[in-house]
Structures are given as structure tokens and as C-alpha cells.
C-alpha atoms as a PDB file:
ATOM      1  CA  GLY A   1       5.081 -56.621 -30.157  1.00  0.00           C
ATOM      2  CA  LYS A   2       2.851 -56.109 -33.019  1.00  0.00           C
ATOM      3  CA  PHE A   3       0.674 -53.735 -31.887  1.00  0.00           C
ATOM      4  CA  SER A   4       0.058 -50.428 -32.493  1.00  0.00           C
ATOM      5  CA  GLY A   5      -2.946 -47.800 -31.491  1.00  0.00           C
ATOM      6  CA  CYS A   6      -4.151 -50.336 -29.249  1.00  0.00           C
ATOM      7  CA  SER A   7      -5.746 -48.668 -26.275  1.00  0.00           C
ATOM      8  CA  ASN A   8      -7.870 -51.173 -25.069  1.00  0.00           C
ATOM      9  CA  TYR A   9      -7.360 -53.954 -23.254  1.00  0.00           C
ATOM     10  CA  PHE A  10      -8.644 -56.181 -20.635  1.00  0.00           C
ATOM     11  CA  VAL A  11      -6.358 -57.119 -17.645  1.00  0.00           C
ATOM     12  CA  ILE A  12      -7.209 -60.133 -16.291  1.00  0.00           C
ATOM     13  CA  ALA A  13      -6.392 -60.309 -12.525  1.00  0.00           C
ATOM     14  CA  GLY A  14      -7.432 -62.269  -9.461  1.00  0.00           C
ATOM     15  CA  ASN A  15      -6.369 -63.408  -5.792  1.00  0.00           C
ATOM     16  CA  SER A  16      -3.190 -64.026  -5.777  1.00  0.00           C
ATOM     17  CA  LYS A  17      -3.535 -67.094  -3.054  1.00  0.00           C
ATOM     18  CA  GLN A  18      -5.765 -68.890  -5.794  1.00  0.00           C
ATOM     19  CA  ALA A  19      -4.551 -72.093  -6.523  1.00  0.00           C
ATOM     20  CA  ASP A  20      -6.474 -72.353  -9.884  1.00  0.00           C
ATOM     21  CA  LEU A  21      -6.003 -68.465 -10.764  1.00  0.00           C
ATOM     22  CA  ALA A  22      -4.669 -68.981 -14.273  1.00  0.00           C
ATOM     23  CA  LEU A  23      -6.337 -72.210 -15.035  1.00  0.00           C
ATOM     24  CA  CYS A  24      -9.958 -69.579 -14.162  1.00  0.00           C
ATOM     25  CA  ALA A  25      -8.088 -66.674 -16.202  1.00  0.00           C
ATOM     26  CA  GLY A  26      -8.000 -68.431 -19.186  1.00  0.00           C
ATOM     27  CA  TYR A  27     -11.165 -70.173 -19.153  1.00  0.00           C
ATOM     28  CA  HIS A  28     -13.372 -66.663 -18.410  1.00  0.00           C
ATOM     29  CA  GLY A  29     -10.938 -65.089 -20.488  1.00  0.00           C
ATOM     30  CA  GLU A  30     -11.820 -66.714 -23.527  1.00  0.00           C
ATOM     31  CA  GLN A  31     -15.212 -66.379 -23.008  1.00  0.00           C
ATOM     32  CA  LEU A  32     -14.453 -62.185 -23.489  1.00  0.00           C
ATOM     33  CA  VAL A  33     -12.323 -63.232 -26.553  1.00  0.00           C
ATOM     34  CA  LEU A  34     -15.114 -64.575 -28.119  1.00  0.00           C
ATOM     35  CA  TYR A  35     -17.710 -62.495 -27.437  1.00  0.00           C
ATOM     36  CA  ALA A  36     -15.840 -59.630 -28.681  1.00  0.00           C
ATOM     37  CA  GLN A  37     -14.775 -61.426 -31.609  1.00  0.00           C
ATOM     38  CA  HIS A  38     -18.585 -62.572 -32.322  1.00  0.00           C
ATOM     39  CA  LEU A  39     -19.183 -58.332 -31.677  1.00  0.00           C
ATOM     40  CA  GLY A  40     -16.444 -57.651 -34.774  1.00  0.00           C
ATOM     41  CA  LEU A  41     -13.845 -56.735 -32.731  1.00  0.00           C
ATOM     42  CA  ASN A  42     -10.209 -58.142 -32.605  1.00  0.00           C
ATOM     43  CA  THR A  43      -8.436 -59.473 -29.483  1.00  0.00           C
ATOM     44  CA  CYS A  44      -5.256 -60.942 -28.774  1.00  0.00           C
ATOM     45  CA  TRP A  45      -3.769 -62.381 -25.659  1.00  0.00           C
ATOM     46  CA  THR A  46      -0.549 -60.593 -24.452  1.00  0.00           C
ATOM     47  CA  ALA A  47       1.448 -61.983 -22.282  1.00  0.00           C
ATOM     48  CA  LEU A  48       5.493 -60.536 -22.403  1.00  0.00           C
ATOM     49  CA  THR A  49       5.042 -58.448 -25.629  1.00  0.00           C
ATOM     50  CA  HIS A  50       2.489 -55.427 -23.586  1.00  0.00           C
ATOM     51  CA  GLY A  51       3.577 -52.283 -22.150  1.00  0.00           C
ATOM     52  CA  THR A  52       2.697 -51.141 -18.575  1.00  0.00           C
ATOM     53  CA  ILE A  53       1.127 -47.368 -18.579  1.00  0.00           C
ATOM     54  CA  PRO A  54       1.100 -46.293 -15.022  1.00  0.00           C
ATOM     55  CA  ASN A  55      -1.979 -45.526 -13.369  1.00  0.00           C
ATOM     56  CA  THR A  56      -4.155 -47.240 -15.432  1.00  0.00           C
ATOM     57  CA  PHE A  57      -6.151 -49.657 -13.422  1.00  0.00           C
ATOM     58  CA  THR A  58      -5.851 -50.547  -9.841  1.00  0.00           C
ATOM     59  CA  LEU A  59      -5.347 -53.881  -8.211  1.00  0.00           C
ATOM     60  CA  CYS A  60      -6.140 -54.692  -4.979  1.00  0.00           C
ATOM     61  CA  ASP A  61      -3.431 -55.641  -2.081  1.00  0.00           C
ATOM     62  CA  ASP A  62      -4.240 -59.219  -2.616  1.00  0.00           C
ATOM     63  CA  GLU A  63      -4.178 -59.105  -6.906  1.00  0.00           C
ATOM     64  CA  LYS A  64      -1.881 -60.174  -9.393  1.00  0.00           C
ATOM     65  CA  VAL A  65      -2.098 -59.496 -13.119  1.00  0.00           C
ATOM     66  CA  VAL A  66      -2.383 -62.819 -14.903  1.00  0.00           C
ATOM     67  CA  ILE A  67      -2.333 -61.654 -18.700  1.00  0.00           C
ATOM     68  CA  TYR A  68      -3.778 -59.216 -20.998  1.00  0.00           C
ATOM     69  CA  ILE A  69      -6.169 -58.953 -23.695  1.00  0.00           C
ATOM     70  CA  ALA A  70      -5.815 -56.346 -26.440  1.00  0.00           C
ATOM     71  CA  LEU A  71      -9.219 -55.045 -27.662  1.00  0.00           C
ATOM     72  CA  GLY A  72     -10.135 -53.191 -31.049  1.00  0.00           C
ATOM     73  CA  TYR A  73     -10.442 -52.958 -34.460  1.00  0.00           C
ATOM     74  CA  GLY A  74      -7.106 -54.666 -36.039  1.00  0.00           C
ATOM     75  CA  ALA A  75      -5.608 -53.486 -39.627  1.00  0.00           C
ATOM     76  CA  THR A  76      -6.875 -56.957 -40.603  1.00  0.00           C
ATOM     77  CA  GLN A  77      -8.945 -60.187 -38.885  1.00  0.00           C
ATOM     78  CA  GLY A  78      -6.011 -61.868 -38.273  1.00  0.00           C
ATOM     79  CA  VAL A  79      -4.549 -65.057 -39.839  1.00  0.00           C
ATOM     80  CA  GLN A  80      -5.523 -68.884 -38.540  1.00  0.00           C
ATOM     81  CA  HIS A  81      -2.014 -70.495 -37.222  1.00  0.00           C
ATOM     82  CA  PRO A  82      -0.916 -73.586 -39.443  1.00  0.00           C
ATOM     83  CA  GLN A  83      -1.955 -76.962 -37.481  1.00  0.00           C
ATOM     84  CA  LYS A  84       1.011 -78.294 -37.076  1.00  0.00           C
ATOM     85  CA  LYS A  85      -0.392 -81.232 -34.469  1.00  0.00           C
ATOM     86  CA  LYS A  86      -2.903 -83.740 -35.064  1.00  0.00           C
ATOM     87  CA  ASP A  87      -5.758 -84.625 -32.845  1.00  0.00           C
ATOM     88  CA  THR A  88      -4.028 -87.943 -31.785  1.00  0.00           C
ATOM     89  CA  ASP A  89      -1.130 -86.043 -30.924  1.00  0.00           C
ATOM     90  CA  LEU A  90      -3.133 -83.790 -28.362  1.00  0.00           C
ATOM     91  CA  SER A  91      -5.795 -86.571 -27.636  1.00  0.00           C
ATOM     92  CA  ASN A  92      -6.604 -90.279 -27.433  1.00  0.00           C
ATOM     93  CA  ILE A  93      -9.412 -90.196 -30.103  1.00  0.00           C
ATOM     94  CA  LEU A  94      -9.980 -92.944 -32.301  1.00  0.00           C
ATOM     95  CA  PRO A  95      -9.532 -92.582 -35.797  1.00  0.00           C
ATOM     96  CA  GLY A  96     -12.591 -92.179 -37.472  1.00  0.00           C
ATOM     97  CA  GLU A  97     -14.190 -91.104 -34.596  1.00  0.00           C
ATOM     98  CA  ASP A  98     -17.215 -88.659 -34.465  1.00  0.00           C
ATOM     99  CA  ASN A  99     -19.149 -87.490 -31.461  1.00  0.00           C
ATOM    100  CA  TRP A 100     -19.089 -85.340 -28.547  1.00  0.00           C
ATOM    101  CA  PHE A 101     -15.345 -86.401 -27.536  1.00  0.00           C
ATOM    102  CA  ALA A 102     -14.174 -85.788 -31.259  1.00  0.00           C
ATOM    103  CA  GLN A 103     -15.939 -82.327 -31.607  1.00  0.00           C
ATOM    104  CA  GLY A 104     -14.655 -81.411 -28.269  1.00  0.00           C
ATOM    105  CA  VAL A 105     -10.855 -82.125 -29.493  1.00  0.00           C
ATOM    106  CA  ARG A 106     -11.580 -80.298 -32.495  1.00  0.00           C
ATOM    107  CA  ALA A 107     -12.489 -77.514 -31.070  1.00  0.00           C
ATOM    108  CA  ALA A 108      -9.821 -77.002 -28.575  1.00  0.00           C
ATOM    109  CA  MET A 109      -7.451 -77.592 -31.289  1.00  0.00           C
ATOM    110  CA  LEU A 110      -8.407 -74.572 -32.301  1.00  0.00           C
ATOM    111  CA  ALA A 111      -7.663 -72.601 -28.781  1.00  0.00           C
ATOM    112  CA  PRO A 112      -5.284 -70.445 -28.871  1.00  0.00           C
ATOM    113  CA  THR A 113      -2.144 -71.478 -26.637  1.00  0.00           C
ATOM    114  CA  ALA A 114       0.948 -69.792 -25.434  1.00  0.00           C
ATOM    115  CA  VAL A 115       2.979 -69.504 -29.196  1.00  0.00           C
ATOM    116  CA  ASN A 116       0.891 -71.786 -30.404  1.00  0.00           C
ATOM    117  CA  GLN A 117       2.710 -74.546 -28.921  1.00  0.00           C
ATOM    118  CA  GLN A 118      -0.593 -76.892 -27.777  1.00  0.00           C
ATOM    119  CA  LYS A 119       0.923 -77.833 -24.708  1.00  0.00           C
ATOM    120  CA  PHE A 120      -2.071 -79.772 -23.725  1.00  0.00           C
ATOM    121  CA  TYR A 121      -3.495 -83.744 -23.789  1.00  0.00           C
ATOM    122  CA  ILE A 122      -7.138 -85.200 -23.548  1.00  0.00           C
ATOM    123  CA  LYS A 123      -7.769 -88.156 -22.413  1.00  0.00           C
ATOM    124  CA  ALA A 124     -11.503 -89.982 -22.607  1.00  0.00           C
ATOM    125  CA  GLU A 125     -12.148 -92.815 -20.233  1.00  0.00           C
ATOM    126  CA  ARG A 126     -13.194 -95.466 -22.440  1.00  0.00           C
ATOM    127  CA  ASN A 127     -15.568 -98.452 -21.806  1.00  0.00           C
ATOM    128  CA  ALA A 128     -14.657-102.068 -23.139  1.00  0.00           C
ATOM    129  CA  ASP A 129     -16.106-100.920 -26.468  1.00  0.00           C
ATOM    130  CA  GLY A 130     -13.355 -98.037 -26.916  1.00  0.00           C
ATOM    131  CA  ILE A 131     -16.728 -95.635 -26.385  1.00  0.00           C
ATOM    132  CA  PRO A 132     -15.878 -92.330 -24.178  1.00  0.00           C
ATOM    133  CA  THR A 133     -17.920 -92.780 -20.882  1.00  0.00           C
ATOM    134  CA  GLY A 134     -18.170 -89.296 -20.226  1.00  0.00           C
ATOM    135  CA  LYS A 135     -15.138 -88.936 -17.870  1.00  0.00           C
ATOM    136  CA  VAL A 136     -12.320 -86.435 -19.593  1.00  0.00           C
ATOM    137  CA  HIS A 137      -9.144 -85.425 -18.234  1.00  0.00           C
ATOM    138  CA  LEU A 138      -7.314 -82.598 -19.685  1.00  0.00           C
ATOM    139  CA  THR A 139      -3.058 -82.416 -18.600  1.00  0.00           C
ATOM    140  CA  ALA A 140      -0.525 -80.249 -19.421  1.00  0.00           C
ATOM    141  CA  ARG A 141       2.540 -80.812 -21.166  1.00  0.00           C
ATOM    142  CA  PHE A 142       6.115 -79.342 -20.420  1.00  0.00           C
ATOM    143  CA  SER A 143       6.514 -75.783 -21.781  1.00  0.00           C
ATOM    144  CA  LEU A 144       9.731 -73.234 -21.335  1.00  0.00           C
ATOM    145  CA  ILE A 145       7.638 -70.581 -22.411  1.00  0.00           C
ATOM    146  CA  GLY A 146       5.071 -71.330 -19.620  1.00  0.00           C
ATOM    147  CA  TYR A 147       1.449 -70.449 -19.193  1.00  0.00           C
ATOM    148  CA  GLN A 148       0.352 -73.860 -19.513  1.00  0.00           C
ATOM    149  CA  GLN A 149      -2.444 -73.519 -16.644  1.00  0.00           C
ATOM    150  CA  LEU A 150      -3.388 -70.381 -18.732  1.00  0.00           C
ATOM    151  CA  ASP A 151      -3.639 -72.458 -21.964  1.00  0.00           C
ATOM    152  CA  LEU A 152      -5.503 -75.587 -20.035  1.00  0.00           C
ATOM    153  CA  GLY A 153      -7.832 -72.699 -19.169  1.00  0.00           C
ATOM    154  CA  ILE A 154      -8.595 -71.980 -22.743  1.00  0.00           C
ATOM    155  CA  VAL A 155      -8.699 -74.851 -24.197  1.00  0.00           C
ATOM    156  CA  ARG A 156     -10.683 -76.496 -21.499  1.00  0.00           C
ATOM    157  CA  TYR A 157     -13.670 -74.076 -22.709  1.00  0.00           C
ATOM    158  CA  HIS A 158     -13.525 -74.981 -26.373  1.00  0.00           C
ATOM    159  CA  PHE A 159     -13.713 -78.608 -25.605  1.00  0.00           C
ATOM    160  CA  GLU A 160     -16.819 -77.829 -23.312  1.00  0.00           C
ATOM    161  CA  VAL A 161     -18.410 -75.556 -25.770  1.00  0.00           C
ATOM    162  CA  ALA A 162     -17.818 -77.844 -28.898  1.00  0.00           C
ATOM    163  CA  ALA A 163     -18.266 -80.993 -26.681  1.00  0.00           C
ATOM    164  CA  GLY A 164     -21.223 -80.322 -24.607  1.00  0.00           C
ATOM    165  CA  LYS A 165     -20.989 -79.768 -20.564  1.00  0.00           C
ATOM    166  CA  GLU A 166     -23.696 -82.414 -20.492  1.00  0.00           C
ATOM    167  CA  ASN A 167     -21.651 -85.130 -22.082  1.00  0.00           C
ATOM    168  CA  PHE A 168     -18.741 -85.615 -19.551  1.00  0.00           C
ATOM    169  CA  THR A 169     -17.380 -84.337 -16.684  1.00  0.00           C
ATOM    170  CA  TRP A 170     -13.528 -83.366 -15.617  1.00  0.00           C
ATOM    171  CA  VAL A 171     -11.318 -85.649 -14.123  1.00  0.00           C
ATOM    172  CA  ILE A 172      -9.244 -83.398 -11.774  1.00  0.00           C
END
């Protein structure tokens, strides 16, 4: 990939029989990523671009690797990817809306996703006046690349932090 000299990484793995393993890996992996960034380290989700070095970690028989997160001091701090989609492409946000839902959507739009595709949609249930009721749906859209469930976990974490978990519940 685009890495050189990187010898530190998180191995994000879990029980291979867990139905929501990829979603949980994205959610909790993003917590690690943001904490590492807070500490001044650089990170990068690496799925297909990583090498495998034998005997660098051990898994139990019922576990599998979901993804790796490279960790270290980067040559640069990285760059913000250009925002190609509008908030209305990714959610049912209303024009001019500025509430917990809008804050969550805007934060979710900054979440890293597989090759920056943003293959998700966030929908707030609304009352007759158009105000979010506190029930939110998060769904994946089709992607040839895959990783939709991992991405949903990452997006979910960003949305929750900005929207405030006390303001809504996920509808699954």
C-alpha cells in the first residue's frame, strides 16, 4: 500500500460466529482510531493493502481478523478527502435543519469509509411537523468493494458522538 516503515498496528478480530462482528469491529475500531489521533498518532484502516507477517499475533480457533489499523507517526498528518456527496444524498436531513440529527449526519459524513464511497443512508423518523422523533435508521447501500458493515460501525460511532446517544435510539 502507501505505507513504509510502519511496524505498529491494531488487529481488529473477533468471534467468527458473531453475526454483527464487522459492525462491532468498525464501531470499536473507530474509537481506537480517534483516541490514537487524539494522542498525536496517525492511523489508517487497512483491508487489502496490508502485508501479513507470520507469528505477529495469535487468534483463538473461533476468531477471525476483520481488518487492521496501521498506527504510528506519519510523514504527514494526512488530508481530508474531498466531500463528493451532500448531506441530502446520505440522509433525510431537511434544508436548514440544525439539531441533534443534523449534527449527527454531518459527523457521519466525516467518517472514513471503504475507498471513501460513503455507502450508507441515515433516516430519522419524523413527526407530522417534520421534527425527528428520536428513532434513527442506518442502512448500507450496495458496494462492489464490500466492507459495508464495517463502514456502518464507523459511521454509527461518529453519528452517536455528535448527535448525543441520549437524543435517539437506533431502529434495527
